[in-house]
Amino acid sequence: MITVIWDTWLKPDMEVEGLRLTRQVWSDMRNYEGYISHQIFIDRDTPGHIIALGKWRSIEDADAVLEKYKDSETIHRLTPLLARPRDRWVTSETA
């Protein structure tokens, strides 16, 4: 299992719609092969900063969904709200 961390920075005054669309992205992920779960964290000190952790069965599953979903309507609506491109880290847990 892997965890993909998405770091999102929204433009000022775009926080509400950006969070709504972020939640939609992760709701949609439930329909894809290899998705396990997710958590969304909202930075209370910095408006417009959202971190999402998505758990996937494998990097191959996460990458396949990224390729399929990147041109979705939700991503097309979210992208103009971004203050900068989203960062993505692929991680694994250690014991």
C-alpha atoms as a PDB file:
ATOM      1  CA  MET A   1       0.000   0.000   0.000  1.00  0.00           C
ATOM      2  CA  ILE A   2       1.133   3.542  -0.734  1.00  0.00           C
ATOM      3  CA  THR A   3      -0.037   6.992   0.302  1.00  0.00           C
ATOM      4  CA  VAL A   4      -0.131   9.809  -2.223  1.00  0.00           C
ATOM      5  CA  ILE A   5       0.030  13.265  -0.666  1.00  0.00           C
ATOM      6  CA  TRP A   6      -1.478  16.161  -2.622  1.00  0.00           C
ATOM      7  CA  ASP A   7      -0.559  19.690  -1.544  1.00  0.00           C
ATOM      8  CA  THR A   8      -3.071  22.245  -2.839  1.00  0.00           C
ATOM      9  CA  TRP A   9      -2.858  26.036  -2.606  1.00  0.00           C
ATOM     10  CA  LEU A  10      -5.958  27.954  -3.681  1.00  0.00           C
ATOM     11  CA  LYS A  11      -6.231  31.560  -4.781  1.00  0.00           C
ATOM     12  CA  PRO A  12      -7.684  34.024  -2.239  1.00  0.00           C
ATOM     13  CA  ASP A  13     -11.477  33.843  -2.016  1.00  0.00           C
ATOM     14  CA  MET A  14     -11.512  30.474  -3.798  1.00  0.00           C
ATOM     15  CA  GLU A  15     -11.338  28.397  -0.602  1.00  0.00           C
ATOM     16  CA  VAL A  16     -14.986  27.317  -0.452  1.00  0.00           C
ATOM     17  CA  GLU A  17     -15.277  26.234  -4.086  1.00  0.00           C
ATOM     18  CA  GLY A  18     -11.776  24.743  -4.082  1.00  0.00           C
ATOM     19  CA  LEU A  19     -12.580  22.616  -1.031  1.00  0.00           C
ATOM     20  CA  ARG A  20     -15.870  21.524  -2.587  1.00  0.00           C
ATOM     21  CA  LEU A  21     -14.082  20.428  -5.768  1.00  0.00           C
ATOM     22  CA  THR A  22     -11.318  18.709  -3.780  1.00  0.00           C
ATOM     23  CA  ARG A  23     -13.975  16.724  -1.942  1.00  0.00           C
ATOM     24  CA  GLN A  24     -15.536  15.852  -5.301  1.00  0.00           C
ATOM     25  CA  VAL A  25     -12.209  14.582  -6.620  1.00  0.00           C
ATOM     26  CA  TRP A  26     -11.853  12.229  -3.680  1.00  0.00           C
ATOM     27  CA  SER A  27     -15.467  11.135  -3.838  1.00  0.00           C
ATOM     28  CA  ASP A  28     -14.836  10.187  -7.479  1.00  0.00           C
ATOM     29  CA  MET A  29     -11.718   8.214  -6.513  1.00  0.00           C
ATOM     30  CA  ARG A  30     -13.927   5.675  -4.741  1.00  0.00           C
ATOM     31  CA  ASN A  31     -14.951   4.401  -8.179  1.00  0.00           C
ATOM     32  CA  TYR A  32     -11.423   3.481  -9.283  1.00  0.00           C
ATOM     33  CA  GLU A  33      -9.534   0.225  -9.011  1.00  0.00           C
ATOM     34  CA  GLY A  34      -6.896   0.268  -6.281  1.00  0.00           C
ATOM     35  CA  TYR A  35      -8.361   3.146  -4.236  1.00  0.00           C
ATOM     36  CA  ILE A  36      -8.424   2.362  -0.508  1.00  0.00           C
ATOM     37  CA  SER A  37      -9.224   5.571   1.388  1.00  0.00           C
ATOM     38  CA  HIS A  38      -8.428   9.242   1.799  1.00  0.00           C
ATOM     39  CA  GLN A  39      -8.227  12.060   4.318  1.00  0.00           C
ATOM     40  CA  ILE A  40      -8.431  15.791   3.650  1.00  0.00           C
ATOM     41  CA  PHE A  41      -6.689  18.272   5.944  1.00  0.00           C
ATOM     42  CA  ILE A  42      -7.433  22.001   5.922  1.00  0.00           C
ATOM     43  CA  ASP A  43      -4.659  24.276   7.140  1.00  0.00           C
ATOM     44  CA  ARG A  44      -6.271  26.458   9.815  1.00  0.00           C
ATOM     45  CA  ASP A  45      -3.363  28.915   9.799  1.00  0.00           C
ATOM     46  CA  THR A  46      -3.260  29.444   6.031  1.00  0.00           C
ATOM     47  CA  PRO A  47      -6.548  29.897   4.177  1.00  0.00           C
ATOM     48  CA  GLY A  48      -6.619  28.080   0.884  1.00  0.00           C
ATOM     49  CA  HIS A  49      -4.079  25.418   1.836  1.00  0.00           C
ATOM     50  CA  ILE A  50      -5.379  21.839   1.634  1.00  0.00           C
ATOM     51  CA  ILE A  51      -3.494  18.591   2.024  1.00  0.00           C
ATOM     52  CA  ALA A  52      -5.080  15.340   0.884  1.00  0.00           C
ATOM     53  CA  LEU A  53      -3.727  11.880   1.671  1.00  0.00           C
ATOM     54  CA  GLY A  54      -4.951   9.143  -0.618  1.00  0.00           C
ATOM     55  CA  LYS A  55      -4.225   5.505   0.125  1.00  0.00           C
ATOM     56  CA  TRP A  56      -3.822   3.204  -2.870  1.00  0.00           C
ATOM     57  CA  ARG A  57      -3.096  -0.483  -3.336  1.00  0.00           C
ATOM     58  CA  SER A  58      -0.048   0.328  -5.503  1.00  0.00           C
ATOM     59  CA  ILE A  59       1.761   3.125  -7.306  1.00  0.00           C
ATOM     60  CA  GLU A  60       0.597   1.577 -10.567  1.00  0.00           C
ATOM     61  CA  ASP A  61      -3.043   2.002  -9.505  1.00  0.00           C
ATOM     62  CA  ALA A  62      -2.487   5.593  -8.369  1.00  0.00           C
ATOM     63  CA  ASP A  63      -0.643   6.507 -11.575  1.00  0.00           C
ATOM     64  CA  ALA A  64      -3.278   4.869 -13.780  1.00  0.00           C
ATOM     65  CA  VAL A  65      -6.050   6.845 -12.099  1.00  0.00           C
ATOM     66  CA  LEU A  66      -4.028  10.062 -12.309  1.00  0.00           C
ATOM     67  CA  GLU A  67      -3.689   9.538 -16.065  1.00  0.00           C
ATOM     68  CA  LYS A  68      -7.408   8.771 -16.494  1.00  0.00           C
ATOM     69  CA  TYR A  69      -8.697  11.543 -14.214  1.00  0.00           C
ATOM     70  CA  LYS A  70      -6.403  14.443 -15.170  1.00  0.00           C
ATOM     71  CA  ASP A  71      -8.741  15.593 -17.949  1.00  0.00           C
ATOM     72  CA  SER A  72     -11.950  15.235 -15.921  1.00  0.00           C
ATOM     73  CA  GLU A  73     -14.475  18.052 -15.624  1.00  0.00           C
ATOM     74  CA  THR A  74     -13.734  18.367 -11.899  1.00  0.00           C
ATOM     75  CA  ILE A  75     -10.016  18.918 -12.529  1.00  0.00           C
ATOM     76  CA  HIS A  76     -10.817  21.415 -15.293  1.00  0.00           C
ATOM     77  CA  ARG A  77     -12.946  23.371 -12.802  1.00  0.00           C
ATOM     78  CA  LEU A  78     -10.398  23.112  -9.968  1.00  0.00           C
ATOM     79  CA  THR A  79      -7.300  24.124 -11.944  1.00  0.00           C
ATOM     80  CA  PRO A  80      -8.204  27.826 -12.450  1.00  0.00           C
ATOM     81  CA  LEU A  81      -8.735  28.145  -8.680  1.00  0.00           C
ATOM     82  CA  LEU A  82      -5.160  27.104  -7.883  1.00  0.00           C
ATOM     83  CA  ALA A  83      -2.598  29.649  -6.730  1.00  0.00           C
ATOM     84  CA  ARG A  84       0.103  27.273  -8.034  1.00  0.00           C
ATOM     85  CA  PRO A  85       0.224  23.764  -9.470  1.00  0.00           C
ATOM     86  CA  ARG A  86      -0.539  21.022  -6.965  1.00  0.00           C
ATOM     87  CA  ASP A  87       2.412  19.067  -5.587  1.00  0.00           C
ATOM     88  CA  ARG A  88       2.272  15.275  -5.362  1.00  0.00           C
ATOM     89  CA  TRP A  89       4.387  12.955  -3.245  1.00  0.00           C
ATOM     90  CA  VAL A  90       4.188   9.193  -3.313  1.00  0.00           C
ATOM     91  CA  THR A  91       5.075   7.709   0.051  1.00  0.00           C
ATOM     92  CA  SER A  92       5.128   4.424   1.910  1.00  0.00           C
ATOM     93  CA  GLU A  93       4.866   3.878   5.642  1.00  0.00           C
ATOM     94  CA  THR A  94       7.591   2.418   7.745  1.00  0.00           C
ATOM     95  CA  ALA A  95       7.229   0.381  10.915  1.00  0.00           C
END
